[in-house]
Amino acid sequence: MKSNWFKHPLGLSDDKRLAQLIQEEGVKGYGTYLYLVEKLSLQEDLHLSFQQLSLFERKGFHRRYMELIVRKYTDLFIIEGEEFHSAIDFGSSCTRSAQSLRTSYAEPKQNMPKRDNNLNDNDVSTSSRTHVREEKKREEKNHLQKEDAGVEATNKRFMELLRGLSLQSSWGELACMKSGYPALLKEHFNEAVQLFGKHVLLYGNQHQIRDVSDAQKYFVNFVASGSRTSKELHAQLQELEQKRQQAADNLYRYEQRIDGKRCYMGCPLPDNAPPRPSPRAIWNNLEAYWYEPAG
């Protein structure tokens, strides 16, 4: 009979694959990894589907983050379609007995199908297993439907709260100052809020944000100078600013700047003039538009 425990190698956290996980995700990532291995160990075939992750959600273990760990660290998990299993072999003793596993999912005895005297023992065993599997699938489907509906409602409420994160407030000014790159954050504040929202959803922390005040506090911590998230946001905003500058330079490529004023061929342009559309275009001062001479 198989045991209800699995072998945990000494020095597992020093394995280079685990070392990378711990370096990037810390104790939360390591704990999530061991939690997933534990759940895999309970499966008769040592496999789990991504849909089943919803069944194992609890405080500190969110479906999105568990799936992130599985998909990101391909040295630790092997993905086969919609299922995955551990890339590290913890030994054959890592699973419970098949009988123990079936018992945990089986319904009360009175709900089990009655024995048909015309069936032999193999037929009865197969029929019982089929019944248990069908009931398990129905339970998982109902649970997932309820879970998806709850997640959708939580996400919708969170996205509405994000609209309350406005730069035009004393709070917005404070957030920019705490970032260490206030000018850049002000210029791309809306984009920063969107990136913040994606971060919260990725780590499954949206349910912790109950009102605008919670969202504001979380955002200030997200952009606070010196934090990992702030450094990552800074790099993303710098990339956005570079693209904006390149687009602006490209838009006014047929003009020049003299003492900060827009010009072309030595002629000054009004500040509200549209960009010069081509190297041959001439500005009509009287009617305020660009035209190209014929020929």
Protein backbone atom coordinates (compact mmCIF):
# COMPACT_ATOMS: atom_id res chain seq x y z
CA MET A 1 0.00 0.00 0.00
CA LYS A 2 1.25 3.46 -0.86
CA SER A 3 2.06 5.87 1.93
CA ASN A 4 0.33 9.19 2.62
CA TRP A 5 3.60 11.13 2.57
CA PHE A 6 6.22 12.09 0.01
CA LYS A 7 9.99 12.34 0.26
CA HIS A 8 11.33 15.87 0.76
CA PRO A 9 15.02 15.81 -0.24
CA LEU A 10 17.47 17.53 2.08
CA GLY A 11 18.73 20.76 0.57
CA LEU A 12 15.78 21.05 -1.81
CA SER A 13 15.87 24.84 -1.49
CA ASP A 14 19.50 24.80 -2.67
CA ASP A 15 18.62 23.08 -5.93
CA LYS A 16 19.44 25.60 -8.67
CA ARG A 17 15.90 25.39 -10.04
CA LEU A 18 14.43 26.18 -6.63
CA ALA A 19 17.15 28.78 -5.97
CA GLN A 20 15.97 30.74 -9.00
CA LEU A 21 12.35 30.55 -7.82
CA ILE A 22 13.29 31.76 -4.32
CA GLN A 23 15.49 34.53 -5.72
CA GLU A 24 12.61 35.88 -7.84
CA GLU A 25 9.52 35.09 -5.76
CA GLY A 26 10.84 34.69 -2.23
CA VAL A 27 9.22 32.58 0.47
CA LYS A 28 5.78 33.06 -1.13
CA GLY A 29 6.96 31.36 -4.30
CA TYR A 30 8.69 28.53 -2.42
CA GLY A 31 5.65 27.93 -0.24
CA THR A 32 3.38 27.89 -3.29
CA TYR A 33 5.69 25.39 -5.00
CA LEU A 34 5.59 22.98 -2.05
CA TYR A 35 1.82 23.44 -1.80
CA LEU A 36 1.46 22.45 -5.46
CA VAL A 37 3.75 19.43 -5.01
CA GLU A 38 1.63 18.37 -2.05
CA LYS A 39 -1.56 18.57 -4.13
CA LEU A 40 0.08 16.72 -7.04
CA SER A 41 1.14 14.00 -4.61
CA LEU A 42 -2.50 13.37 -3.70
CA GLN A 43 -3.41 12.57 -7.31
CA GLU A 44 -3.34 8.94 -8.35
CA ASP A 45 -1.61 9.81 -11.64
CA LEU A 46 0.45 12.67 -10.13
CA HIS A 47 -1.18 15.10 -12.58
CA LEU A 48 -3.37 18.17 -12.06
CA SER A 49 -5.35 20.26 -14.51
CA PHE A 50 -5.17 24.06 -14.42
CA GLN A 51 -8.91 24.14 -13.76
CA GLN A 52 -8.41 22.12 -10.58
CA LEU A 53 -6.27 24.89 -9.09
CA SER A 54 -9.47 26.74 -8.17
CA LEU A 55 -10.35 23.86 -5.84
CA PHE A 56 -7.18 24.44 -3.84
CA GLU A 57 -7.51 28.20 -3.36
CA ARG A 58 -7.21 29.42 0.20
CA LYS A 59 -5.67 32.39 1.99
CA GLY A 60 -2.22 32.96 0.53
CA PHE A 61 -2.73 30.47 -2.31
CA HIS A 62 -4.54 32.10 -5.23
CA ARG A 63 -5.28 30.34 -8.49
CA ARG A 64 -3.66 32.99 -10.71
CA TYR A 65 -0.42 32.93 -8.72
CA MET A 66 -0.28 29.13 -8.60
CA GLU A 67 -0.74 29.00 -12.37
CA LEU A 68 1.94 31.70 -12.77
CA ILE A 69 4.44 29.56 -10.85
CA VAL A 70 3.63 26.47 -12.94
CA ARG A 71 3.85 28.23 -16.30
CA LYS A 72 6.86 30.41 -15.47
CA TYR A 73 9.15 27.78 -13.95
CA THR A 74 9.27 25.10 -16.61
CA ASP A 75 12.26 23.45 -14.90
CA LEU A 76 10.00 22.61 -11.96
CA PHE A 77 6.82 21.57 -13.77
CA ILE A 78 6.08 19.75 -17.01
CA ILE A 79 2.99 21.00 -18.83
CA GLU A 80 1.04 18.61 -21.05
CA GLY A 81 -1.90 20.41 -22.64
CA GLU A 82 -4.24 21.49 -19.85
CA GLU A 83 -2.47 19.35 -17.23
CA PHE A 84 0.89 19.49 -15.49
CA HIS A 85 3.06 17.41 -13.17
CA SER A 86 6.28 17.84 -11.20
CA ALA A 87 9.57 17.77 -13.08
CA ILE A 88 11.28 16.60 -9.90
CA ASP A 89 10.69 12.97 -8.94
CA PHE A 90 9.88 12.78 -5.25
CA GLY A 91 9.68 8.98 -5.31
CA SER A 92 6.88 6.46 -5.60
CA SER A 93 5.94 6.97 -1.96
CA CYS A 94 4.58 10.42 -2.66
CA THR A 95 1.01 9.37 -3.25
CA ARG A 96 -1.72 8.03 -1.04
CA SER A 97 -3.32 4.75 -1.82
CA ALA A 98 -5.85 4.75 -4.64
CA GLN A 99 -8.45 3.50 -2.20
CA SER A 100 -7.78 6.45 0.18
CA LEU A 101 -8.02 8.92 -2.69
CA ARG A 102 -11.31 7.49 -3.92
CA THR A 103 -12.77 7.48 -0.44
CA SER A 104 -12.15 11.24 -0.06
CA TYR A 105 -14.28 11.93 -3.11
CA ALA A 106 -16.89 9.21 -2.71
CA GLU A 107 -20.48 10.04 -1.77
CA PRO A 108 -22.32 8.53 1.22
CA LYS A 109 -22.94 4.86 0.85
CA GLN A 110 -26.68 5.22 0.23
CA ASN A 111 -25.99 7.21 -2.93
CA MET A 112 -23.75 4.59 -4.50
CA PRO A 113 -25.24 2.49 -7.32
CA LYS A 114 -26.84 -0.80 -6.28
CA ARG A 115 -25.06 -3.99 -7.13
CA ASP A 116 -26.42 -5.89 -10.10
CA ASN A 117 -26.21 -9.62 -9.37
CA ASN A 118 -25.63 -10.24 -13.07
CA LEU A 119 -22.37 -8.24 -12.90
CA ASN A 120 -19.08 -9.77 -11.80
CA ASP A 121 -16.74 -8.05 -9.33
CA ASN A 122 -14.74 -6.33 -12.08
CA ASP A 123 -17.90 -4.86 -13.59
CA VAL A 124 -19.04 -3.56 -10.20
CA SER A 125 -15.62 -2.05 -9.49
CA THR A 126 -15.53 -0.34 -12.89
CA SER A 127 -19.10 0.95 -12.49
CA SER A 128 -18.31 2.38 -9.05
CA ARG A 129 -15.18 4.13 -10.25
CA THR A 130 -17.03 5.59 -13.22
CA HIS A 131 -19.79 6.87 -10.93
CA VAL A 132 -17.26 8.48 -8.58
CA ARG A 133 -15.42 10.14 -11.48
CA GLU A 134 -18.66 11.52 -12.94
CA GLU A 135 -19.73 12.91 -9.57
CA LYS A 136 -16.31 14.42 -9.04
CA LYS A 137 -16.43 16.11 -12.45
CA ARG A 138 -19.89 17.53 -11.72
CA GLU A 139 -18.75 18.87 -8.36
CA GLU A 140 -15.64 20.44 -9.92
CA LYS A 141 -17.70 22.00 -12.71
CA ASN A 142 -20.21 23.52 -10.27
CA HIS A 143 -17.42 24.79 -8.06
CA LEU A 144 -15.57 26.34 -11.00
CA GLN A 145 -18.72 28.05 -12.27
CA LYS A 146 -19.34 29.60 -8.85
CA GLU A 147 -15.66 30.49 -8.53
CA ASP A 148 -15.53 32.13 -11.96
CA ALA A 149 -18.66 34.17 -11.20
CA GLY A 150 -17.16 35.34 -7.91
CA VAL A 151 -13.82 36.21 -9.51
CA GLU A 152 -15.55 38.13 -12.30
CA ALA A 153 -17.54 40.19 -9.78
CA THR A 154 -14.42 40.90 -7.70
CA ASN A 155 -12.41 41.91 -10.78
CA LYS A 156 -15.19 44.21 -11.99
CA ARG A 157 -15.38 45.94 -8.62
CA PHE A 158 -11.58 46.31 -8.53
CA MET A 159 -11.48 47.88 -12.02
CA GLU A 160 -14.10 50.40 -10.90
CA LEU A 161 -11.95 51.30 -7.89
CA LEU A 162 -8.98 51.95 -10.18
CA ARG A 163 -10.90 54.86 -11.71
CA GLY A 164 -10.64 56.58 -8.34
CA LEU A 165 -6.85 56.77 -8.65
CA SER A 166 -6.55 60.32 -10.02
CA LEU A 167 -3.45 62.43 -10.37
CA GLN A 168 -5.54 65.55 -9.76
CA SER A 169 -5.49 65.19 -5.97
CA SER A 170 -3.14 65.64 -3.04
CA TRP A 171 -2.91 61.86 -2.88
CA GLY A 172 -1.74 61.70 -6.51
CA GLU A 173 0.97 64.29 -5.84
CA LEU A 174 2.13 62.31 -2.81
CA ALA A 175 2.33 59.07 -4.79
CA CYS A 176 4.48 60.76 -7.46
CA MET A 177 6.83 62.23 -4.85
CA LYS A 178 7.29 58.86 -3.10
CA SER A 179 8.20 57.18 -6.40
CA GLY A 180 11.49 59.04 -6.79
CA TYR A 181 10.64 59.82 -10.44
CA PRO A 182 7.71 62.28 -10.07
CA ALA A 183 7.93 63.94 -13.50
CA LEU A 184 7.97 60.63 -15.35
CA LEU A 185 5.12 59.22 -13.25
CA LYS A 186 2.99 62.34 -13.77
CA GLU A 187 3.53 62.16 -17.53
CA HIS A 188 2.39 58.52 -17.66
CA PHE A 189 0.15 58.32 -14.60
CA ASN A 190 -2.76 56.61 -16.36
CA GLU A 191 -0.44 53.99 -17.84
CA ALA A 192 1.06 53.43 -14.38
CA VAL A 193 -2.42 52.81 -12.94
CA GLN A 194 -3.10 50.25 -15.68
CA LEU A 195 0.18 48.45 -14.95
CA PHE A 196 -0.67 48.53 -11.25
CA GLY A 197 -4.03 46.90 -11.99
CA LYS A 198 -2.39 44.12 -14.00
CA HIS A 199 0.06 43.50 -11.14
CA VAL A 200 -2.73 43.18 -8.56
CA LEU A 201 -4.75 40.81 -10.77
CA LEU A 202 -1.70 38.69 -11.56
CA TYR A 203 -0.99 38.09 -7.88
CA GLY A 204 -4.66 37.61 -7.01
CA ASN A 205 -4.75 40.41 -4.42
CA GLN A 206 -7.77 42.30 -5.79
CA HIS A 207 -10.05 40.90 -3.08
CA GLN A 208 -7.92 42.69 -0.46
CA ILE A 209 -8.82 46.08 -1.96
CA ARG A 210 -12.26 46.97 -0.61
CA ASP A 211 -12.47 50.70 -1.38
CA VAL A 212 -10.63 53.59 -3.05
CA SER A 213 -8.63 54.24 0.11
CA ASP A 214 -7.25 50.68 0.01
CA ALA A 215 -6.40 51.08 -3.67
CA GLN A 216 -4.56 54.35 -2.99
CA LYS A 217 -2.49 52.84 -0.16
CA TYR A 218 -1.62 49.80 -2.27
CA PHE A 219 -0.61 52.04 -5.20
CA VAL A 220 1.65 54.19 -2.99
CA ASN A 221 3.43 51.02 -1.80
CA PHE A 222 3.58 49.80 -5.39
CA VAL A 223 5.46 52.93 -6.57
CA ALA A 224 7.44 53.62 -3.37
CA SER A 225 11.10 54.31 -4.14
CA GLY A 226 13.43 51.37 -3.57
CA SER A 227 10.81 48.64 -3.92
CA ARG A 228 11.07 45.94 -6.58
CA THR A 229 7.75 46.93 -8.11
CA SER A 230 8.82 50.58 -8.28
CA LYS A 231 12.01 49.69 -10.13
CA GLU A 232 10.08 47.55 -12.61
CA LEU A 233 7.50 50.31 -13.12
CA HIS A 234 10.26 52.89 -13.64
CA ALA A 235 11.78 50.78 -16.42
CA GLN A 236 8.38 50.31 -18.09
CA LEU A 237 7.56 54.02 -17.93
CA GLN A 238 10.99 54.94 -19.31
CA GLU A 239 10.29 52.67 -22.27
CA LEU A 240 6.91 54.35 -22.81
CA GLU A 241 8.53 57.78 -22.62
CA GLN A 242 11.16 56.78 -25.15
CA LYS A 243 8.47 55.62 -27.56
CA ARG A 244 6.54 58.86 -27.02
CA GLN A 245 9.62 60.93 -27.75
CA GLN A 246 10.38 58.91 -30.86
CA ALA A 247 6.80 59.38 -32.08
CA ALA A 248 6.98 63.14 -31.42
CA ASP A 249 10.31 63.45 -33.20
CA ASN A 250 8.93 61.52 -36.13
CA LEU A 251 5.81 63.69 -36.25
CA TYR A 252 7.84 66.92 -36.53
CA ARG A 253 10.65 65.44 -38.65
CA TYR A 254 10.18 68.05 -41.42
CA GLU A 255 10.64 70.98 -39.03
CA GLN A 256 13.46 72.51 -36.98
CA ARG A 257 13.72 74.00 -33.51
CA ILE A 258 15.42 77.39 -33.15
CA ASP A 259 15.58 78.80 -29.62
CA GLY A 260 12.75 76.47 -28.70
CA LYS A 261 10.47 77.76 -31.50
CA ARG A 262 9.17 75.61 -34.34
CA CYS A 263 10.52 76.62 -37.75
CA TYR A 264 10.91 75.37 -41.30
CA MET A 265 13.36 76.65 -43.86
CA GLY A 266 14.16 79.45 -41.39
CA CYS A 267 10.51 80.57 -41.18
CA PRO A 268 8.84 80.58 -37.72
CA LEU A 269 5.58 78.70 -37.18
CA PRO A 270 2.68 79.43 -34.83
CA ASP A 271 2.51 77.15 -31.80
CA ASN A 272 -0.88 75.80 -32.85
CA ALA A 273 0.19 74.92 -36.41
CA PRO A 274 -0.16 71.22 -37.26
CA PRO A 275 3.08 69.33 -38.02
CA ARG A 276 4.61 69.93 -41.42
CA PRO A 277 3.35 67.00 -43.51
CA SER A 278 6.17 66.79 -46.07
CA PRO A 279 9.55 68.36 -46.94
CA ARG A 280 7.89 70.38 -49.74
CA ALA A 281 4.97 71.77 -47.73
CA ILE A 282 4.65 75.54 -47.28
CA TRP A 283 2.71 77.28 -44.52
CA ASN A 284 -0.05 79.69 -45.55
CA ASN A 285 -0.04 82.37 -42.85
CA LEU A 286 -3.29 84.02 -43.95
CA GLU A 287 -5.44 80.90 -44.06
CA ALA A 288 -3.35 78.86 -41.58
CA TYR A 289 -2.83 75.61 -43.46
CA TRP A 290 -0.07 73.64 -45.19
CA TYR A 291 -0.01 73.31 -48.97
CA GLU A 292 2.35 71.84 -51.51
CA PRO A 293 3.27 73.88 -54.61
CA ALA A 294 2.40 72.29 -57.93
CA GLY A 295 5.11 70.79 -60.06
